[in-house]
Amino acid sequence: MVSEVEKVAVELLYQLKDQKRRFIALEPCENAKALNVDAGKRVLKLSYYEALINARVHMNLLKGKYAFVFDLENESHLHKLQQLAGNSSEYHIYSKTEVNGLA
């Protein structure tokens, strides 16, 4: 089964924070060409975790500049993610549709 993905809106960050899914991992998206995004933008995949240990395990599998765990309870991390998810950003951030469907 192929997972559906949607572009992350800033509002999603607050939904995740409210639901205690505060640890965020970003990684390069392997299926960027299938998403039909602007050629000059980098595409990242957002994953969320309730427990820091799970986010760290995920990040330990990655190498390079994306190996960082964001904490939505940290105001500077939240601000950085807001910038990355904004319309004027050089990034497109996507997540699974089920995450965006959270209410």
N, C-alpha and C. Protein backbone atom coordinates (compact mmCIF):
# COMPACT_ATOMS: atom_id res chain seq x y z
N MET A 1 0.84 -1.18 0.00
CA MET A 1 0.00 0.00 0.00
C MET A 1 0.89 1.25 0.00
N VAL A 2 0.64 2.16 -0.90
CA VAL A 2 1.40 3.39 -1.01
C VAL A 2 0.78 4.44 -0.10
N SER A 3 1.62 5.09 0.70
CA SER A 3 1.13 6.13 1.61
C SER A 3 0.88 7.41 0.83
N GLU A 4 -0.23 8.06 1.15
CA GLU A 4 -0.53 9.37 0.60
C GLU A 4 0.23 10.41 1.40
N VAL A 5 0.70 11.44 0.74
CA VAL A 5 1.40 12.52 1.43
C VAL A 5 0.80 13.86 1.04
N GLU A 6 0.90 14.82 1.95
CA GLU A 6 0.42 16.16 1.70
C GLU A 6 1.45 17.15 2.19
N LYS A 7 1.42 18.34 1.61
CA LYS A 7 2.33 19.40 2.04
C LYS A 7 1.94 19.84 3.46
N VAL A 8 2.95 20.04 4.28
CA VAL A 8 2.74 20.43 5.68
C VAL A 8 2.42 21.92 5.76
N ALA A 9 1.36 22.23 6.48
CA ALA A 9 1.01 23.62 6.79
C ALA A 9 1.49 23.92 8.20
N VAL A 10 1.73 25.18 8.49
CA VAL A 10 2.20 25.59 9.82
C VAL A 10 1.23 25.13 10.90
N GLU A 11 -0.05 25.10 10.61
CA GLU A 11 -1.06 24.69 11.59
C GLU A 11 -0.83 23.27 12.09
N LEU A 12 -0.28 22.41 11.23
CA LEU A 12 -0.02 21.03 11.62
C LEU A 12 0.97 20.97 12.79
N LEU A 13 1.93 21.86 12.81
CA LEU A 13 2.91 21.87 13.89
C LEU A 13 2.23 22.09 15.23
N TYR A 14 1.24 22.97 15.26
CA TYR A 14 0.51 23.21 16.51
C TYR A 14 -0.39 22.03 16.88
N GLN A 15 -0.96 21.37 15.87
CA GLN A 15 -1.74 20.16 16.14
C GLN A 15 -0.86 19.10 16.79
N LEU A 16 0.30 18.87 16.23
CA LEU A 16 1.21 17.86 16.77
C LEU A 16 1.64 18.23 18.19
N LYS A 17 1.94 19.49 18.41
CA LYS A 17 2.35 19.95 19.74
C LYS A 17 1.24 19.72 20.75
N ASP A 18 0.01 20.05 20.39
CA ASP A 18 -1.13 19.86 21.29
C ASP A 18 -1.38 18.40 21.61
N GLN A 19 -1.06 17.53 20.67
CA GLN A 19 -1.29 16.11 20.85
C GLN A 19 -0.08 15.38 21.41
N LYS A 20 0.89 16.13 21.91
CA LYS A 20 2.09 15.58 22.55
C LYS A 20 2.95 14.77 21.60
N ARG A 21 2.85 15.05 20.32
CA ARG A 21 3.73 14.43 19.32
C ARG A 21 4.78 15.46 18.98
N ARG A 22 5.60 15.76 19.95
CA ARG A 22 6.43 16.95 19.92
C ARG A 22 7.78 16.79 19.25
N PHE A 23 8.24 15.59 19.02
CA PHE A 23 9.57 15.38 18.44
C PHE A 23 9.45 15.16 16.93
N ILE A 24 10.13 16.01 16.18
CA ILE A 24 10.00 16.03 14.72
C ILE A 24 11.34 15.69 14.08
N ALA A 25 11.28 14.81 13.10
CA ALA A 25 12.45 14.46 12.30
C ALA A 25 12.15 14.85 10.85
N LEU A 26 13.11 15.49 10.21
CA LEU A 26 13.00 15.82 8.79
C LEU A 26 14.09 15.07 8.05
N GLU A 27 13.76 14.57 6.88
CA GLU A 27 14.74 13.88 6.05
C GLU A 27 14.44 14.14 4.59
N PRO A 28 15.43 14.03 3.73
CA PRO A 28 15.17 14.21 2.30
C PRO A 28 14.13 13.20 1.82
N CYS A 29 13.23 13.66 0.98
CA CYS A 29 12.16 12.80 0.46
C CYS A 29 12.65 12.10 -0.80
N GLU A 30 12.57 10.78 -0.79
CA GLU A 30 13.05 9.99 -1.93
C GLU A 30 12.12 10.07 -3.13
N ASN A 31 10.84 10.34 -2.91
CA ASN A 31 9.87 10.36 -4.00
C ASN A 31 9.54 11.79 -4.45
N ALA A 32 10.50 12.68 -4.40
CA ALA A 32 10.25 14.09 -4.69
C ALA A 32 9.71 14.30 -6.10
N LYS A 33 10.18 13.55 -7.07
CA LYS A 33 9.73 13.75 -8.45
C LYS A 33 8.25 13.39 -8.60
N ALA A 34 7.76 12.45 -7.84
CA ALA A 34 6.36 12.05 -7.92
C ALA A 34 5.42 13.10 -7.33
N LEU A 35 5.96 14.02 -6.54
CA LEU A 35 5.13 15.04 -5.88
C LEU A 35 4.90 16.28 -6.74
N ASN A 36 5.56 16.37 -7.88
CA ASN A 36 5.40 17.50 -8.80
C ASN A 36 5.62 18.85 -8.11
N VAL A 37 6.77 19.02 -7.49
CA VAL A 37 7.07 20.27 -6.80
C VAL A 37 7.96 21.15 -7.68
N ASP A 38 8.08 22.40 -7.29
CA ASP A 38 8.92 23.34 -8.03
C ASP A 38 10.35 22.82 -8.10
N ALA A 39 10.97 23.00 -9.24
CA ALA A 39 12.30 22.45 -9.48
C ALA A 39 13.35 22.98 -8.51
N GLY A 40 13.28 24.21 -8.10
CA GLY A 40 14.31 24.80 -7.27
C GLY A 40 14.17 24.53 -5.79
N LYS A 41 13.13 23.84 -5.38
CA LYS A 41 12.88 23.61 -3.95
C LYS A 41 13.33 22.23 -3.53
N ARG A 42 13.86 22.16 -2.31
CA ARG A 42 14.24 20.87 -1.72
C ARG A 42 13.01 20.28 -1.04
N VAL A 43 12.86 18.97 -1.13
CA VAL A 43 11.70 18.30 -0.57
C VAL A 43 12.14 17.46 0.63
N LEU A 44 11.46 17.68 1.76
CA LEU A 44 11.74 16.96 3.00
C LEU A 44 10.50 16.23 3.47
N LYS A 45 10.72 15.10 4.13
CA LYS A 45 9.63 14.32 4.71
C LYS A 45 9.64 14.53 6.22
N LEU A 46 8.49 14.84 6.79
CA LEU A 46 8.35 15.05 8.22
C LEU A 46 7.83 13.77 8.88
N SER A 47 8.49 13.37 9.95
CA SER A 47 8.03 12.27 10.79
C SER A 47 7.91 12.83 12.20
N TYR A 48 6.95 12.32 12.96
CA TYR A 48 6.74 12.82 14.31
C TYR A 48 6.76 11.67 15.30
N TYR A 49 7.12 12.00 16.53
CA TYR A 49 7.24 10.98 17.58
C TYR A 49 6.79 11.56 18.91
N GLU A 50 6.21 10.71 19.74
CA GLU A 50 5.86 11.10 21.11
C GLU A 50 7.05 10.96 22.03
N ALA A 51 7.94 10.04 21.74
CA ALA A 51 9.10 9.76 22.61
C ALA A 51 10.39 10.17 21.90
N LEU A 52 11.24 10.85 22.64
CA LEU A 52 12.51 11.31 22.10
C LEU A 52 13.38 10.14 21.64
N ILE A 53 13.37 9.05 22.36
CA ILE A 53 14.21 7.90 21.99
C ILE A 53 13.86 7.39 20.60
N ASN A 54 12.57 7.37 20.25
CA ASN A 54 12.16 6.90 18.92
C ASN A 54 12.63 7.85 17.83
N ALA A 55 12.57 9.15 18.10
CA ALA A 55 13.06 10.13 17.13
C ALA A 55 14.57 9.99 16.94
N ARG A 56 15.29 9.77 18.03
CA ARG A 56 16.74 9.62 17.94
C ARG A 56 17.14 8.36 17.16
N VAL A 57 16.40 7.28 17.34
CA VAL A 57 16.67 6.06 16.58
C VAL A 57 16.51 6.35 15.09
N HIS A 58 15.44 7.04 14.73
CA HIS A 58 15.21 7.40 13.33
C HIS A 58 16.36 8.26 12.81
N MET A 59 16.76 9.26 13.56
CA MET A 59 17.81 10.17 13.12
C MET A 59 19.18 9.49 13.05
N ASN A 60 19.41 8.50 13.89
CA ASN A 60 20.68 7.78 13.84
C ASN A 60 20.85 7.00 12.54
N LEU A 61 19.75 6.71 11.88
CA LEU A 61 19.81 6.02 10.59
C LEU A 61 20.20 6.97 9.46
N LEU A 62 20.05 8.26 9.69
CA LEU A 62 20.37 9.27 8.68
C LEU A 62 21.77 9.82 8.92
N LYS A 63 22.36 10.30 7.89
CA LYS A 63 23.66 10.93 7.99
C LYS A 63 23.56 12.31 7.35
N GLY A 64 24.40 13.21 7.76
CA GLY A 64 24.44 14.52 7.11
C GLY A 64 23.71 15.59 7.89
N LYS A 65 23.38 16.67 7.19
CA LYS A 65 22.86 17.85 7.86
C LYS A 65 21.43 17.71 8.35
N TYR A 66 20.72 16.70 7.96
CA TYR A 66 19.34 16.55 8.41
C TYR A 66 19.21 15.73 9.68
N ALA A 67 20.31 15.28 10.24
CA ALA A 67 20.27 14.44 11.44
C ALA A 67 20.09 15.30 12.68
N PHE A 68 18.88 15.84 12.84
CA PHE A 68 18.56 16.73 13.96
C PHE A 68 17.12 16.46 14.37
N VAL A 69 16.86 16.39 15.68
CA VAL A 69 15.51 16.20 16.19
C VAL A 69 14.99 17.54 16.69
N PHE A 70 13.90 18.00 16.11
CA PHE A 70 13.24 19.22 16.55
C PHE A 70 12.28 18.88 17.69
N ASP A 71 12.21 19.77 18.67
CA ASP A 71 11.29 19.62 19.81
C ASP A 71 10.31 20.78 19.75
N LEU A 72 9.04 20.48 19.52
CA LEU A 72 8.03 21.53 19.40
C LEU A 72 7.81 22.32 20.69
N GLU A 73 8.28 21.80 21.82
CA GLU A 73 8.20 22.53 23.08
C GLU A 73 9.30 23.58 23.19
N ASN A 74 10.31 23.50 22.34
CA ASN A 74 11.39 24.47 22.31
C ASN A 74 11.00 25.55 21.31
N GLU A 75 10.83 26.79 21.78
CA GLU A 75 10.35 27.88 20.93
C GLU A 75 11.25 28.13 19.72
N SER A 76 12.55 28.02 19.87
CA SER A 76 13.43 28.24 18.72
C SER A 76 13.28 27.13 17.68
N HIS A 77 13.05 25.91 18.11
CA HIS A 77 12.82 24.80 17.18
C HIS A 77 11.50 25.01 16.44
N LEU A 78 10.46 25.38 17.19
CA LEU A 78 9.15 25.62 16.59
C LEU A 78 9.24 26.74 15.56
N HIS A 79 9.94 27.81 15.92
CA HIS A 79 10.09 28.94 15.00
C HIS A 79 10.81 28.51 13.71
N LYS A 80 11.85 27.72 13.84
CA LYS A 80 12.59 27.25 12.66
C LYS A 80 11.70 26.38 11.77
N LEU A 81 10.91 25.50 12.37
CA LEU A 81 10.00 24.66 11.59
C LEU A 81 8.93 25.50 10.90
N GLN A 82 8.46 26.56 11.57
CA GLN A 82 7.49 27.47 10.95
C GLN A 82 8.10 28.12 9.70
N GLN A 83 9.34 28.53 9.80
CA GLN A 83 10.03 29.12 8.65
C GLN A 83 10.17 28.11 7.52
N LEU A 84 10.55 26.89 7.85
CA LEU A 84 10.74 25.85 6.84
C LEU A 84 9.44 25.48 6.14
N ALA A 85 8.33 25.50 6.88
CA ALA A 85 7.03 25.12 6.33
C ALA A 85 6.32 26.29 5.64
N GLY A 86 6.84 27.48 5.79
CA GLY A 86 6.22 28.67 5.19
C GLY A 86 6.28 28.68 3.68
N ASN A 87 5.41 29.48 3.08
CA ASN A 87 5.34 29.55 1.61
C ASN A 87 6.59 30.14 0.98
N SER A 88 7.31 30.98 1.68
CA SER A 88 8.49 31.61 1.10
C SER A 88 9.77 30.80 1.34
N SER A 89 9.63 29.64 1.90
CA SER A 89 10.78 28.79 2.20
C SER A 89 11.34 28.16 0.93
N GLU A 90 12.61 27.78 0.98
CA GLU A 90 13.22 27.05 -0.13
C GLU A 90 12.94 25.55 -0.03
N TYR A 91 12.11 25.15 0.92
CA TYR A 91 11.79 23.74 1.14
C TYR A 91 10.29 23.50 0.96
N HIS A 92 9.99 22.30 0.55
CA HIS A 92 8.63 21.76 0.61
C HIS A 92 8.71 20.63 1.63
N ILE A 93 7.85 20.65 2.63
CA ILE A 93 7.84 19.61 3.64
C ILE A 93 6.53 18.84 3.52
N TYR A 94 6.64 17.53 3.45
CA TYR A 94 5.49 16.66 3.30
C TYR A 94 5.41 15.68 4.46
N SER A 95 4.18 15.23 4.75
CA SER A 95 3.96 14.21 5.77
C SER A 95 2.85 13.28 5.28
N LYS A 96 2.68 12.19 5.98
CA LYS A 96 1.61 11.26 5.66
C LYS A 96 0.26 11.96 5.83
N THR A 97 -0.68 11.61 4.97
CA THR A 97 -2.02 12.21 5.00
C THR A 97 -2.67 12.00 6.36
N GLU A 98 -2.46 10.84 6.99
CA GLU A 98 -3.11 10.56 8.27
C GLU A 98 -2.68 11.57 9.34
N VAL A 99 -1.47 12.09 9.24
CA VAL A 99 -1.01 13.10 10.19
C VAL A 99 -1.79 14.38 9.97
N ASN A 100 -1.95 14.80 8.71
CA ASN A 100 -2.65 16.03 8.41
C ASN A 100 -4.12 15.94 8.77
N GLY A 101 -4.66 14.74 8.85
CA GLY A 101 -6.07 14.57 9.18
C GLY A 101 -6.36 14.66 10.67
N LEU A 102 -5.37 14.87 11.49
CA LEU A 102 -5.59 14.97 12.92
C LEU A 102 -6.44 16.18 13.24
N ALA A 103 -7.32 16.02 14.20
CA ALA A 103 -8.17 17.14 14.59
C ALA A 103 -7.95 17.51 16.03
